[in-house]
Protein backbone atom coordinates (compact mmCIF):
# COMPACT_ATOMS: atom_id res chain seq x y z
CA MET A 1 61.65 -50.15 27.45
CA ASP A 2 65.32 -49.54 28.14
CA LYS A 3 66.35 -46.30 26.42
CA ASN A 4 69.61 -47.92 25.30
CA THR A 5 67.83 -50.39 23.06
CA TRP A 6 65.63 -48.31 20.74
CA ASP A 7 66.46 -46.07 17.77
CA PHE A 8 63.39 -43.84 17.76
CA SER A 9 60.00 -43.42 19.37
CA GLY A 10 56.74 -41.78 18.48
CA TYR A 11 53.01 -42.17 18.19
CA ALA A 12 51.95 -45.10 16.04
CA THR A 13 48.45 -43.62 16.26
CA LYS A 14 46.77 -40.85 18.25
CA ASN A 15 43.27 -41.06 19.68
CA SER A 16 40.32 -38.94 18.60
CA LEU A 17 41.85 -37.66 15.35
CA LYS A 18 40.08 -38.33 12.07
CA CYS A 19 42.31 -40.37 9.77
CA THR A 20 42.37 -40.01 5.99
CA ASP A 21 40.26 -43.18 5.66
CA GLY A 22 37.48 -41.47 7.64
CA ARG A 23 37.99 -43.55 10.79
CA THR A 24 38.72 -42.20 14.25
CA ILE A 25 40.53 -44.38 16.75
CA LEU A 26 39.12 -44.14 20.25
CA LYS A 27 40.97 -44.33 23.55
CA ASP A 28 42.11 -47.82 24.54
CA ALA A 29 41.13 -49.44 21.22
CA PHE A 30 44.46 -51.28 21.31
CA LYS A 31 44.99 -51.35 25.09
CA HIS A 32 45.24 -55.14 25.11
CA GLN A 33 48.46 -54.85 23.07
CA ASP A 34 50.34 -52.74 25.61
CA GLY A 35 53.91 -54.06 25.71
CA GLN A 36 53.58 -56.21 22.58
CA THR A 37 56.19 -56.26 19.84
CA VAL A 38 55.14 -55.96 16.19
CA PRO A 39 57.15 -55.74 12.95
CA LEU A 40 58.40 -52.35 11.73
CA VAL A 41 57.95 -52.19 7.95
CA TRP A 42 58.21 -49.76 5.04
CA GLN A 43 54.96 -48.24 3.70
CA HIS A 44 52.79 -51.19 4.88
CA LEU A 45 54.54 -53.54 2.46
CA HIS A 46 54.38 -56.62 4.64
CA ASN A 47 54.23 -59.13 1.79
CA GLU A 48 57.92 -60.10 1.84
CA PRO A 49 60.65 -60.37 4.49
CA GLY A 50 62.87 -57.73 2.84
CA ASN A 51 60.38 -55.02 3.79
CA VAL A 52 60.75 -55.72 7.50
CA LEU A 53 63.01 -53.01 8.89
CA GLY A 54 62.97 -54.07 12.54
CA HIS A 55 60.38 -54.09 15.29
CA ALA A 56 58.31 -51.75 17.44
CA VAL A 57 57.17 -52.17 21.03
CA LEU A 58 53.69 -50.74 21.65
CA GLU A 59 52.74 -48.68 24.67
CA ASN A 60 49.12 -47.78 25.33
CA ARG A 61 48.80 -44.20 26.58
CA GLU A 62 45.91 -41.92 27.46
CA ASP A 63 46.22 -40.13 24.11
CA GLY A 64 47.12 -43.01 21.79
CA VAL A 65 49.51 -45.85 21.10
CA TYR A 66 53.15 -44.88 21.45
CA CYS A 67 55.89 -47.09 20.04
CA TYR A 68 59.61 -47.64 20.45
CA GLY A 69 61.29 -48.64 17.19
CA LYS A 70 64.44 -50.65 16.67
CA PHE A 71 66.01 -51.15 13.24
CA ASN A 72 67.55 -54.45 12.19
CA ASN A 73 70.89 -54.58 10.36
CA THR A 74 69.72 -55.07 6.78
CA ASP A 75 70.59 -52.74 3.91
CA GLY A 76 66.99 -51.48 3.71
CA ALA A 77 66.79 -50.89 7.44
CA ASN A 78 70.11 -49.05 7.48
CA TYR A 79 68.89 -46.78 4.69
CA ALA A 80 65.57 -46.17 6.49
CA LYS A 81 67.46 -45.49 9.70
CA GLU A 82 69.49 -42.78 7.94
CA CYS A 83 66.27 -41.25 6.58
CA VAL A 84 64.76 -41.13 10.08
CA GLN A 85 67.95 -39.86 11.68
CA HIS A 86 68.17 -37.00 9.19
CA GLY A 87 64.48 -36.08 9.43
CA ASP A 88 63.61 -37.20 5.90
CA ILE A 89 60.98 -39.63 7.24
CA THR A 90 58.93 -38.45 10.23
CA SER A 91 55.56 -40.19 9.88
CA LEU A 92 54.28 -43.48 11.25
CA SER A 93 51.20 -45.54 10.49
CA ILE A 94 49.61 -48.77 11.65
CA TYR A 95 48.07 -51.73 9.89
CA ALA A 96 45.38 -53.25 12.08
CA ASN A 97 42.71 -55.89 11.57
CA GLN A 98 39.90 -57.47 13.57
CA LEU A 99 38.48 -53.94 13.84
CA LYS A 100 35.31 -53.29 15.78
CA GLU A 101 33.73 -50.01 14.76
CA GLN A 102 30.72 -47.93 15.59
CA MET A 103 29.95 -45.21 13.07
CA LYS A 104 33.57 -45.07 11.76
CA LYS A 105 34.94 -44.96 15.31
CA VAL A 106 37.37 -47.79 16.07
CA ILE A 107 36.76 -49.21 19.54
CA HIS A 108 38.92 -52.34 19.25
CA GLY A 109 41.39 -53.97 16.90
CA ASP A 110 44.74 -55.72 16.57
CA ILE A 111 47.81 -53.81 15.38
CA LYS A 112 49.78 -56.14 13.11
CA GLU A 113 52.60 -53.78 12.13
CA VAL A 114 53.89 -50.23 12.46
CA SER A 115 55.12 -48.62 9.25
CA LEU A 116 57.48 -45.84 8.38
CA VAL A 117 55.54 -43.85 5.80
CA LEU A 118 55.96 -40.77 3.66
CA ALA A 119 52.61 -39.43 4.84
CA GLY A 120 50.55 -40.97 7.62
CA ALA A 121 46.78 -41.39 7.68
CA ASN A 122 46.61 -40.23 11.31
CA PRO A 123 47.86 -36.62 11.69
CA GLY A 124 49.30 -37.33 15.14
CA ALA A 125 51.27 -40.44 14.16
CA VAL A 126 54.80 -39.06 14.09
CA ILE A 127 58.30 -39.77 15.30
CA ASP A 128 58.99 -37.43 18.18
CA ASN A 129 62.23 -38.74 19.67
CA LEU A 130 65.48 -40.08 18.23
CA SER A 131 67.94 -42.25 20.13
CA PHE A 132 70.63 -43.79 17.99
CA ALA A 133 73.45 -45.87 19.40
CA HIS A 134 76.74 -45.67 17.50
CA GLY A 135 79.17 -48.31 18.69
CA ASP A 136 79.88 -47.69 22.36
CA ASP A 137 78.51 -44.14 22.13
CA TYR A 138 74.90 -43.43 22.95
CA VAL A 139 73.21 -40.34 21.54
CA LEU A 140 69.99 -38.99 22.99
CA ASP A 141 69.17 -35.37 22.46
CA GLU A 142 66.90 -34.48 25.37
CA THR A 143 67.16 -30.75 24.62
CA GLU A 144 64.79 -31.01 21.65
CA ALA A 145 61.24 -32.25 21.27
CA TYR A 146 58.57 -32.31 18.60
CA ILE A 147 55.14 -31.45 19.96
CA TYR A 148 52.17 -32.47 17.84
CA THR A 149 48.59 -31.83 18.73
CA GLY A 150 47.10 -33.27 15.57
CA LEU A 151 45.04 -30.11 15.26
CA GLU A 152 45.28 -27.85 12.27
CA PHE A 153 45.64 -24.14 12.90
CA GLU A 154 47.07 -21.08 11.21
CA LEU A 155 49.46 -18.60 12.76
CA ALA A 156 48.55 -14.99 12.06
């Protein structure tokens, strides 16, 4: 995806991390959706058009499904964009159906939307890069990065 066209990017879901629903998504469970575009919504509220904030392009990677998000120009999307830009919202989540599971391990499914959420079910599903265009100016801070392992540990 052209870096001049997206507002943020991050992991929609990371592989091999236990989610709060008890499921673990395995590598390539959504590989068939590489390059597909899905709606970007708020908190999985996909029951009305006003909750659609934009779209996300999916990219299958070795360690999960990465996405590139683009906000539309609605009032709700502009507010959400400000929240993301200022670091108030940092978590992502997916809604998927047609799941094929083996012992709570997802081996296949269809991602229907990516959501901005207050707290994600998958500990690795986070926004890790911001890229906001403002008029003719393009802002990409390549001197900073968020690195998430999805593992919990304590610093002594």
